[in-house]
Amino acid sequence: MLAEAFRVVQPNGVVGFSVWGDKEASNYFTLFSQTIAALNLESPEDALRRSNFHLNHRENMIAMLEKAGFVNVICWN
């Protein structure tokens, strides 16, 4: 997705992405996974082997954006 976003942005263009915040401060976004766990069911997260918050690591996100070709990356929580 990042490579495609880089491909279509105009030269010197600006893009913005938003990801979920910190897990500890996002009770609403953890409700589904908590309910699935309480019912002892397999969740889509389990099938993907990653958390809904897998993009929440600032350094990893910056590295992914730079790998896709973006420069002057600004990232904050």
C-alpha atoms as a PDB file:
ATOM      1  CA  MET A   1       0.000   0.000   0.000  1.00  0.00           C
ATOM      2  CA  LEU A   2       2.810   2.389   0.816  1.00  0.00           C
ATOM      3  CA  ALA A   3       4.604   1.667  -2.466  1.00  0.00           C
ATOM      4  CA  GLU A   4       1.404   2.380  -4.394  1.00  0.00           C
ATOM      5  CA  ALA A   5       0.832   5.607  -2.457  1.00  0.00           C
ATOM      6  CA  PHE A   6       4.377   6.687  -3.296  1.00  0.00           C
ATOM      7  CA  ARG A   7       3.857   5.773  -6.948  1.00  0.00           C
ATOM      8  CA  VAL A   8       0.748   7.939  -7.372  1.00  0.00           C
ATOM      9  CA  VAL A   9       1.733  11.000  -5.335  1.00  0.00           C
ATOM     10  CA  GLN A  10       2.785  14.030  -7.380  1.00  0.00           C
ATOM     11  CA  PRO A  11       6.460  15.058  -7.238  1.00  0.00           C
ATOM     12  CA  ASN A  12       6.992  17.052  -4.032  1.00  0.00           C
ATOM     13  CA  GLY A  13       3.487  15.997  -2.982  1.00  0.00           C
ATOM     14  CA  VAL A  14       2.411  15.524   0.595  1.00  0.00           C
ATOM     15  CA  VAL A  15       0.546  12.511   1.955  1.00  0.00           C
ATOM     16  CA  GLY A  16      -0.870  11.669   5.358  1.00  0.00           C
ATOM     17  CA  PHE A  17      -1.609   8.331   6.970  1.00  0.00           C
ATOM     18  CA  SER A  18      -3.377   7.576  10.207  1.00  0.00           C
ATOM     19  CA  VAL A  19      -3.079   4.410  12.270  1.00  0.00           C
ATOM     20  CA  TRP A  20      -4.586   3.341  15.555  1.00  0.00           C
ATOM     21  CA  GLY A  21      -3.085   4.886  18.672  1.00  0.00           C
ATOM     22  CA  ASP A  22      -1.549   3.176  21.657  1.00  0.00           C
ATOM     23  CA  LYS A  23      -3.316  -0.032  22.633  1.00  0.00           C
ATOM     24  CA  GLU A  24      -3.505   1.078  26.270  1.00  0.00           C
ATOM     25  CA  ALA A  25      -5.395   4.256  25.281  1.00  0.00           C
ATOM     26  CA  SER A  26      -7.682   2.601  22.723  1.00  0.00           C
ATOM     27  CA  ASN A  27     -10.181   0.571  24.707  1.00  0.00           C
ATOM     28  CA  TYR A  28     -12.827   0.851  21.992  1.00  0.00           C
ATOM     29  CA  PHE A  29     -10.529  -0.685  19.388  1.00  0.00           C
ATOM     30  CA  THR A  30      -9.698  -3.644  21.634  1.00  0.00           C
ATOM     31  CA  LEU A  31     -13.331  -4.496  22.430  1.00  0.00           C
ATOM     32  CA  PHE A  32     -13.709  -6.928  19.508  1.00  0.00           C
ATOM     33  CA  SER A  33     -10.534  -8.893  20.254  1.00  0.00           C
ATOM     34  CA  GLN A  34     -11.359  -9.021  23.985  1.00  0.00           C
ATOM     35  CA  THR A  35     -14.859 -10.349  23.218  1.00  0.00           C
ATOM     36  CA  ILE A  36     -13.523 -12.989  20.818  1.00  0.00           C
ATOM     37  CA  ALA A  37     -10.950 -14.087  23.411  1.00  0.00           C
ATOM     38  CA  ALA A  38     -13.608 -14.273  26.143  1.00  0.00           C
ATOM     39  CA  LEU A  39     -15.707 -16.525  23.879  1.00  0.00           C
ATOM     40  CA  ASN A  40     -12.618 -18.644  23.124  1.00  0.00           C
ATOM     41  CA  LEU A  41     -12.979 -18.101  19.363  1.00  0.00           C
ATOM     42  CA  GLU A  42     -10.337 -17.505  16.693  1.00  0.00           C
ATOM     43  CA  SER A  43     -10.159 -13.887  15.637  1.00  0.00           C
ATOM     44  CA  PRO A  44      -9.012 -12.415  12.316  1.00  0.00           C
ATOM     45  CA  GLU A  45      -5.992 -11.086  14.244  1.00  0.00           C
ATOM     46  CA  ASP A  46      -5.014 -14.648  15.124  1.00  0.00           C
ATOM     47  CA  ALA A  47      -5.312 -15.734  11.511  1.00  0.00           C
ATOM     48  CA  LEU A  48      -2.991 -12.891  10.449  1.00  0.00           C
ATOM     49  CA  ARG A  49      -0.621 -13.523  13.361  1.00  0.00           C
ATOM     50  CA  ARG A  50      -0.496  -9.824  14.115  1.00  0.00           C
ATOM     51  CA  SER A  51      -2.213  -7.305  16.320  1.00  0.00           C
ATOM     52  CA  ASN A  52      -4.564  -4.594  15.100  1.00  0.00           C
ATOM     53  CA  PHE A  53      -1.854  -2.282  16.448  1.00  0.00           C
ATOM     54  CA  HIS A  54       0.996  -3.685  14.311  1.00  0.00           C
ATOM     55  CA  LEU A  55       1.562  -0.277  12.671  1.00  0.00           C
ATOM     56  CA  ASN A  56       1.753   1.543  15.988  1.00  0.00           C
ATOM     57  CA  HIS A  57       5.540   1.365  16.363  1.00  0.00           C
ATOM     58  CA  ARG A  58       6.885   4.759  15.356  1.00  0.00           C
ATOM     59  CA  GLU A  59      10.361   3.643  14.286  1.00  0.00           C
ATOM     60  CA  ASN A  60       8.978   0.723  12.243  1.00  0.00           C
ATOM     61  CA  MET A  61       6.452   2.984  10.526  1.00  0.00           C
ATOM     62  CA  ILE A  62       9.126   5.508   9.596  1.00  0.00           C
ATOM     63  CA  ALA A  63      11.326   2.707   8.230  1.00  0.00           C
ATOM     64  CA  MET A  64       8.446   1.322   6.122  1.00  0.00           C
ATOM     65  CA  LEU A  65       7.694   4.780   4.696  1.00  0.00           C
ATOM     66  CA  GLU A  66      11.332   5.418   3.845  1.00  0.00           C
ATOM     67  CA  LYS A  67      11.647   1.961   2.267  1.00  0.00           C
ATOM     68  CA  ALA A  68       8.671   2.856   0.040  1.00  0.00           C
ATOM     69  CA  GLY A  69      10.541   5.985  -1.095  1.00  0.00           C
ATOM     70  CA  PHE A  70       9.074   8.722   1.091  1.00  0.00           C
ATOM     71  CA  VAL A  71      11.432  11.399   2.432  1.00  0.00           C
ATOM     72  CA  ASN A  72      11.061  14.019   5.169  1.00  0.00           C
ATOM     73  CA  VAL A  73       8.824  11.660   7.151  1.00  0.00           C
ATOM     74  CA  ILE A  74       7.132  13.227  10.168  1.00  0.00           C
ATOM     75  CA  CYS A  75       5.493  10.837  12.602  1.00  0.00           C
ATOM     76  CA  TRP A  76       3.878  11.451  15.983  1.00  0.00           C
ATOM     77  CA  ASN A  77       1.515   9.854  18.486  1.00  0.00           C
END
